[in-house]
C-alpha atoms as a PDB file:
ATOM      1  CA  MET A   1      -9.914  -3.154 -24.411  1.00  0.00           C
ATOM      2  CA  ALA A   2     -12.737  -3.394 -21.179  1.00  0.00           C
ATOM      3  CA  GLY A   3     -12.927  -0.916 -18.940  1.00  0.00           C
ATOM      4  CA  ALA A   4      -9.922   0.988 -20.171  1.00  0.00           C
ATOM      5  CA  PRO A   5     -10.850   4.871 -21.372  1.00  0.00           C
ATOM      6  CA  ALA A   6     -12.050   5.562 -25.014  1.00  0.00           C
ATOM      7  CA  GLY A   7      -8.670   6.555 -27.153  1.00  0.00           C
ATOM      8  CA  ARG A   8      -5.905   5.847 -24.122  1.00  0.00           C
ATOM      9  CA  ALA A   9      -4.831   2.091 -24.259  1.00  0.00           C
ATOM     10  CA  LEU A  10      -4.364   0.845 -20.640  1.00  0.00           C
ATOM     11  CA  PRO A  11      -0.619   0.735 -19.611  1.00  0.00           C
ATOM     12  CA  ALA A  12       1.263  -2.736 -19.751  1.00  0.00           C
ATOM     13  CA  ALA A  13       1.406  -2.475 -16.091  1.00  0.00           C
ATOM     14  CA  PHE A  14      -1.890  -2.674 -15.525  1.00  0.00           C
ATOM     15  CA  ARG A  15      -3.350  -5.146 -17.140  1.00  0.00           C
ATOM     16  CA  ARG A  16      -1.854  -7.198 -14.807  1.00  0.00           C
ATOM     17  CA  PRO A  17      -3.825  -4.627 -11.510  1.00  0.00           C
ATOM     18  CA  LEU A  18      -2.938  -8.191  -9.195  1.00  0.00           C
ATOM     19  CA  ALA A  19       1.049  -7.993  -9.926  1.00  0.00           C
ATOM     20  CA  VAL A  20       0.756  -4.324  -9.600  1.00  0.00           C
ATOM     21  CA  LEU A  21      -0.874  -4.984  -5.908  1.00  0.00           C
ATOM     22  CA  LYS A  22       1.444  -7.476  -5.325  1.00  0.00           C
ATOM     23  CA  ALA A  23       4.416  -5.147  -6.133  1.00  0.00           C
ATOM     24  CA  CYS A  24       3.676  -2.202  -3.761  1.00  0.00           C
ATOM     25  CA  HIS A  25       3.334  -4.866  -0.864  1.00  0.00           C
ATOM     26  CA  GLY A  26       6.827  -5.587  -1.886  1.00  0.00           C
ATOM     27  CA  LEU A  27       7.968  -1.523  -1.158  1.00  0.00           C
ATOM     28  CA  ILE A  28       5.784  -1.293   1.896  1.00  0.00           C
ATOM     29  CA  ARG A  29       7.899  -4.430   3.432  1.00  0.00           C
ATOM     30  CA  SER A  30      10.895  -2.415   1.845  1.00  0.00           C
ATOM     31  CA  HIS A  31      10.294   0.946   3.645  1.00  0.00           C
ATOM     32  CA  CYS A  32       9.079  -0.856   6.722  1.00  0.00           C
ATOM     33  CA  ASP A  33      12.346  -2.651   6.811  1.00  0.00           C
ATOM     34  CA  THR A  34      13.514   1.689   6.541  1.00  0.00           C
ATOM     35  CA  LEU A  35      11.849   2.249   9.371  1.00  0.00           C
ATOM     36  CA  ASP A  36      12.831  -0.587  11.409  1.00  0.00           C
ATOM     37  CA  ARG A  37      16.114   0.516  10.623  1.00  0.00           C
ATOM     38  CA  LEU A  38      16.802   4.419  10.520  1.00  0.00           C
ATOM     39  CA  PRO A  39      16.122   5.624  14.791  1.00  0.00           C
ATOM     40  CA  ASP A  40      19.344   3.030  14.702  1.00  0.00           C
ATOM     41  CA  TYR A  41      21.649   4.440  12.235  1.00  0.00           C
ATOM     42  CA  LEU A  42      20.670   7.660  12.984  1.00  0.00           C
ATOM     43  CA  ILE A  43      21.937   7.287  16.969  1.00  0.00           C
ATOM     44  CA  ARG A  44      25.088   6.508  15.059  1.00  0.00           C
ATOM     45  CA  ARG A  45      25.839   7.961  12.270  1.00  0.00           C
ATOM     46  CA  GLY A  46      23.433  11.143  12.723  1.00  0.00           C
ATOM     47  CA  PRO A  47      20.507  12.549  10.010  1.00  0.00           C
ATOM     48  CA  ASP A  48      23.473  12.325   7.229  1.00  0.00           C
ATOM     49  CA  GLU A  49      22.443  12.532   3.000  1.00  0.00           C
ATOM     50  CA  ARG A  50      21.770   8.299   2.750  1.00  0.00           C
ATOM     51  CA  ALA A  51      19.240   8.761   6.250  1.00  0.00           C
ATOM     52  CA  SER A  52      17.593  11.570   4.660  1.00  0.00           C
ATOM     53  CA  THR A  53      17.395   9.585   1.287  1.00  0.00           C
ATOM     54  CA  ALA A  54      15.858   6.993   3.346  1.00  0.00           C
ATOM     55  CA  ALA A  55      13.292   8.744   4.761  1.00  0.00           C
ATOM     56  CA  GLN A  56      12.361  11.083   1.581  1.00  0.00           C
ATOM     57  CA  ARG A  57      11.531   7.687  -0.700  1.00  0.00           C
ATOM     58  CA  ALA A  58       9.216   6.127   2.262  1.00  0.00           C
ATOM     59  CA  LEU A  59       7.620   9.843   2.819  1.00  0.00           C
ATOM     60  CA  ARG A  60       7.325   9.886  -0.604  1.00  0.00           C
ATOM     61  CA  TYR A  61       5.765   6.422  -0.677  1.00  0.00           C
ATOM     62  CA  PHE A  62       3.310   7.060   2.019  1.00  0.00           C
ATOM     63  CA  GLN A  63       2.373  10.270   1.224  1.00  0.00           C
ATOM     64  CA  ILE A  64       1.276   8.930  -2.544  1.00  0.00           C
ATOM     65  CA  ALA A  65       1.744   5.407  -3.681  1.00  0.00           C
ATOM     66  CA  ALA A  66      -0.398   4.150  -0.684  1.00  0.00           C
ATOM     67  CA  PRO A  67      -2.685   5.937  -0.380  1.00  0.00           C
ATOM     68  CA  LEU A  68      -3.557   4.810  -4.117  1.00  0.00           C
ATOM     69  CA  HIS A  69      -2.725   1.846  -2.916  1.00  0.00           C
ATOM     70  CA  PHE A  70      -5.628   1.300  -0.672  1.00  0.00           C
ATOM     71  CA  ALA A  71      -7.791   3.593  -2.804  1.00  0.00           C
ATOM     72  CA  ASP A  72      -7.680   0.361  -5.708  1.00  0.00           C
ATOM     73  CA  GLU A  73      -8.232  -1.790  -2.779  1.00  0.00           C
ATOM     74  CA  GLU A  74     -11.360  -1.000  -1.157  1.00  0.00           C
ATOM     75  CA  GLU A  75     -13.013   0.932  -4.015  1.00  0.00           C
ATOM     76  CA  ASP A  76     -12.052  -1.648  -6.820  1.00  0.00           C
ATOM     77  CA  LEU A  77     -10.270  -5.712  -5.609  1.00  0.00           C
ATOM     78  CA  PHE A  78     -12.655  -5.934  -2.265  1.00  0.00           C
ATOM     79  CA  PRO A  79     -16.281  -4.930  -4.573  1.00  0.00           C
ATOM     80  CA  GLN A  80     -15.034  -7.552  -6.672  1.00  0.00           C
ATOM     81  CA  LEU A  81     -14.196 -10.192  -5.129  1.00  0.00           C
ATOM     82  CA  LEU A  82     -16.781  -9.445  -2.552  1.00  0.00           C
ATOM     83  CA  SER A  83     -19.062 -10.356  -5.245  1.00  0.00           C
ATOM     84  CA  LEU A  84     -17.403 -14.268  -5.483  1.00  0.00           C
ATOM     85  CA  LEU A  85     -17.984 -15.129  -2.132  1.00  0.00           C
ATOM     86  CA  HIS A  86     -20.517 -18.312  -1.141  1.00  0.00           C
ATOM     87  CA  GLY A  87     -21.244 -19.698   1.480  1.00  0.00           C
ATOM     88  CA  PRO A  88     -18.472 -20.555   4.258  1.00  0.00           C
ATOM     89  CA  GLU A  89     -15.767 -18.016   2.261  1.00  0.00           C
ATOM     90  CA  GLU A  90     -18.851 -15.358   3.157  1.00  0.00           C
ATOM     91  CA  GLY A  91     -16.469 -15.050   6.703  1.00  0.00           C
ATOM     92  CA  LEU A  92     -14.069 -13.479   4.305  1.00  0.00           C
ATOM     93  CA  ALA A  93     -15.958  -9.893   3.780  1.00  0.00           C
ATOM     94  CA  ARG A  94     -15.921  -9.314   7.294  1.00  0.00           C
ATOM     95  CA  THR A  95     -11.557  -9.351   7.076  1.00  0.00           C
ATOM     96  CA  MET A  96     -11.880  -7.685   3.463  1.00  0.00           C
ATOM     97  CA  GLU A  97     -14.497  -4.700   6.235  1.00  0.00           C
ATOM     98  CA  GLU A  98     -11.143  -4.982   8.697  1.00  0.00           C
ATOM     99  CA  LEU A  99      -8.579  -4.219   6.726  1.00  0.00           C
ATOM    100  CA  ILE A 100     -10.664  -1.182   5.495  1.00  0.00           C
ATOM    101  CA  ALA A 101     -10.719   0.403   8.385  1.00  0.00           C
ATOM    102  CA  GLN A 102      -7.029  -0.894   8.848  1.00  0.00           C
ATOM    103  CA  HIS A 103      -5.957   0.910   6.427  1.00  0.00           C
ATOM    104  CA  GLY A 104      -7.796   4.471   8.587  1.00  0.00           C
ATOM    105  CA  GLN A 105      -5.827   3.668  11.449  1.00  0.00           C
ATOM    106  CA  GLU A 106      -2.702   3.359   9.310  1.00  0.00           C
ATOM    107  CA  LEU A 107      -2.283   6.188   7.455  1.00  0.00           C
ATOM    108  CA  ARG A 108      -3.479   7.669  11.461  1.00  0.00           C
ATOM    109  CA  ALA A 109      -0.768   6.551  12.461  1.00  0.00           C
ATOM    110  CA  TRP A 110       1.449   8.078   9.509  1.00  0.00           C
ATOM    111  CA  ALA A 111       0.770  11.177  10.476  1.00  0.00           C
ATOM    112  CA  VAL A 112       2.283  10.821  13.806  1.00  0.00           C
ATOM    113  CA  VAL A 113       5.548   8.346  11.732  1.00  0.00           C
ATOM    114  CA  GLU A 114       5.545  11.600   8.651  1.00  0.00           C
ATOM    115  CA  PRO A 115       7.241  14.298  10.451  1.00  0.00           C
ATOM    116  CA  PHE A 116       9.599  12.654  12.134  1.00  0.00           C
ATOM    117  CA  LEU A 117      10.401  11.613   8.398  1.00  0.00           C
ATOM    118  CA  LYS A 118      10.452  14.864   7.336  1.00  0.00           C
ATOM    119  CA  ALA A 119      12.939  16.880   9.769  1.00  0.00           C
ATOM    120  CA  VAL A 120      14.818  13.816   8.654  1.00  0.00           C
ATOM    121  CA  ALA A 121      14.588  14.110   5.128  1.00  0.00           C
ATOM    122  CA  THR A 122      15.840  18.010   5.691  1.00  0.00           C
ATOM    123  CA  GLY A 123      19.067  16.587   7.847  1.00  0.00           C
ATOM    124  CA  GLU A 124      17.880  17.081  10.929  1.00  0.00           C
ATOM    125  CA  GLY A 125      17.888  15.018  13.578  1.00  0.00           C
ATOM    126  CA  PRO A 126      14.673  15.054  15.520  1.00  0.00           C
ATOM    127  CA  SER A 127      14.586  11.976  18.609  1.00  0.00           C
ATOM    128  CA  LEU A 128      12.623   9.630  16.651  1.00  0.00           C
ATOM    129  CA  PRO A 129       9.480   7.474  17.984  1.00  0.00           C
ATOM    130  CA  ASP A 130       9.551   3.340  17.694  1.00  0.00           C
ATOM    131  CA  PHE A 131       8.161   3.059  14.299  1.00  0.00           C
ATOM    132  CA  HIS A 132       8.421  -0.878  14.525  1.00  0.00           C
ATOM    133  CA  PRO A 133       4.556  -1.954  15.850  1.00  0.00           C
ATOM    134  CA  TYR A 134       3.181   0.411  12.592  1.00  0.00           C
ATOM    135  CA  ALA A 135       5.698  -2.099  10.674  1.00  0.00           C
ATOM    136  CA  THR A 136       5.140  -4.334  12.006  1.00  0.00           C
ATOM    137  CA  GLU A 137       1.275  -3.642  11.560  1.00  0.00           C
ATOM    138  CA  LEU A 138       2.057  -2.222   8.355  1.00  0.00           C
ATOM    139  CA  ARG A 139       3.479  -6.441   7.505  1.00  0.00           C
ATOM    140  CA  GLN A 140       0.832  -8.345   9.724  1.00  0.00           C
ATOM    141  CA  HIS A 141      -1.875  -6.520   7.393  1.00  0.00           C
ATOM    142  CA  ILE A 142       0.253  -7.567   4.279  1.00  0.00           C
ATOM    143  CA  HIS A 143      -0.099 -10.887   5.685  1.00  0.00           C
ATOM    144  CA  ILE A 144      -3.702 -11.434   5.891  1.00  0.00           C
ATOM    145  CA  GLU A 145      -3.932  -9.673   2.542  1.00  0.00           C
ATOM    146  CA  GLU A 146      -1.962 -11.744   0.700  1.00  0.00           C
ATOM    147  CA  THR A 147      -3.056 -15.594   2.613  1.00  0.00           C
ATOM    148  CA  MET A 148      -6.495 -14.792   2.211  1.00  0.00           C
ATOM    149  CA  ILE A 149      -7.952 -11.910  -0.159  1.00  0.00           C
ATOM    150  CA  TYR A 150      -5.336 -11.708  -2.927  1.00  0.00           C
ATOM    151  CA  PRO A 151      -5.881 -16.207  -3.486  1.00  0.00           C
ATOM    152  CA  LEU A 152      -9.662 -15.375  -4.732  1.00  0.00           C
ATOM    153  CA  ALA A 153      -8.011 -13.261  -7.323  1.00  0.00           C
ATOM    154  CA  SER A 154      -7.343 -16.535  -9.353  1.00  0.00           C
ATOM    155  CA  ARG A 155     -11.570 -16.971  -9.811  1.00  0.00           C
ATOM    156  CA  LEU A 156     -12.090 -12.967 -10.952  1.00  0.00           C
ATOM    157  CA  ASN A 157     -12.682 -12.470 -14.722  1.00  0.00           C
ATOM    158  CA  ALA A 158     -11.232 -11.383 -17.774  1.00  0.00           C
ATOM    159  CA  GLU A 159     -13.395  -8.508 -17.799  1.00  0.00           C
ATOM    160  CA  ALA A 160     -12.905  -7.207 -13.797  1.00  0.00           C
ATOM    161  CA  LEU A 161      -9.447  -7.417 -14.385  1.00  0.00           C
ATOM    162  CA  SER A 162      -9.957  -5.287 -16.594  1.00  0.00           C
ATOM    163  CA  LEU A 163     -11.817  -2.632 -14.786  1.00  0.00           C
ATOM    164  CA  ILE A 164      -9.343  -2.601 -11.467  1.00  0.00           C
ATOM    165  CA  GLY A 165      -6.367  -2.194 -13.704  1.00  0.00           C
ATOM    166  CA  ALA A 166      -8.620   0.231 -15.981  1.00  0.00           C
ATOM    167  CA  ALA A 167      -9.670   2.177 -12.297  1.00  0.00           C
ATOM    168  CA  MET A 168      -5.981   1.985 -10.929  1.00  0.00           C
ATOM    169  CA  ALA A 169      -4.300   4.146 -14.055  1.00  0.00           C
ATOM    170  CA  ALA A 170      -7.130   6.663 -13.699  1.00  0.00           C
ATOM    171  CA  ARG A 171      -6.103   6.872 -10.038  1.00  0.00           C
ATOM    172  CA  ARG A 172      -2.499   7.600 -10.480  1.00  0.00           C
ATOM    173  CA  ARG A 173      -3.820   9.729 -13.757  1.00  0.00           C
ATOM    174  CA  ALA A 174      -5.614  11.641 -11.727  1.00  0.00           C
ATOM    175  CA  GLY A 175      -3.692  12.123  -8.765  1.00  0.00           C
END
């Protein structure tokens, strides 16, 4: 299969890289919902096991999977999509640049959110910031990707999709 390392079959999930990216968006939305609910939950119930588990899951996703997802888009998907742009669509190149810049902003914002989730994950009850702006920005980012950028991917050929999937799988094996 094109793009798969010699002697290694491409894992089944990565044969459909766009489905993987969209599934990541679903997980991000779910974790954003958790971030929105967590402060009120902690006020009502304190840092119990349920809050700790939710914080641990969000931490794990945003520490490990989110940076991989951003790299998948920035290093593999967006470059392939840029080659498809013609005429009026070329304005989408600027949108992709803005999305990449937002990835950096989201990682910097995460550095503020992370210590609070770590405290909750270990059973502490810190005073929590309002996570709503962070979660809202992530949701808006996903909306732009899914409505303006991802639809272009339907024009990618099988070889391009295979290359994207292979790069995504390799990135996860390396991490």
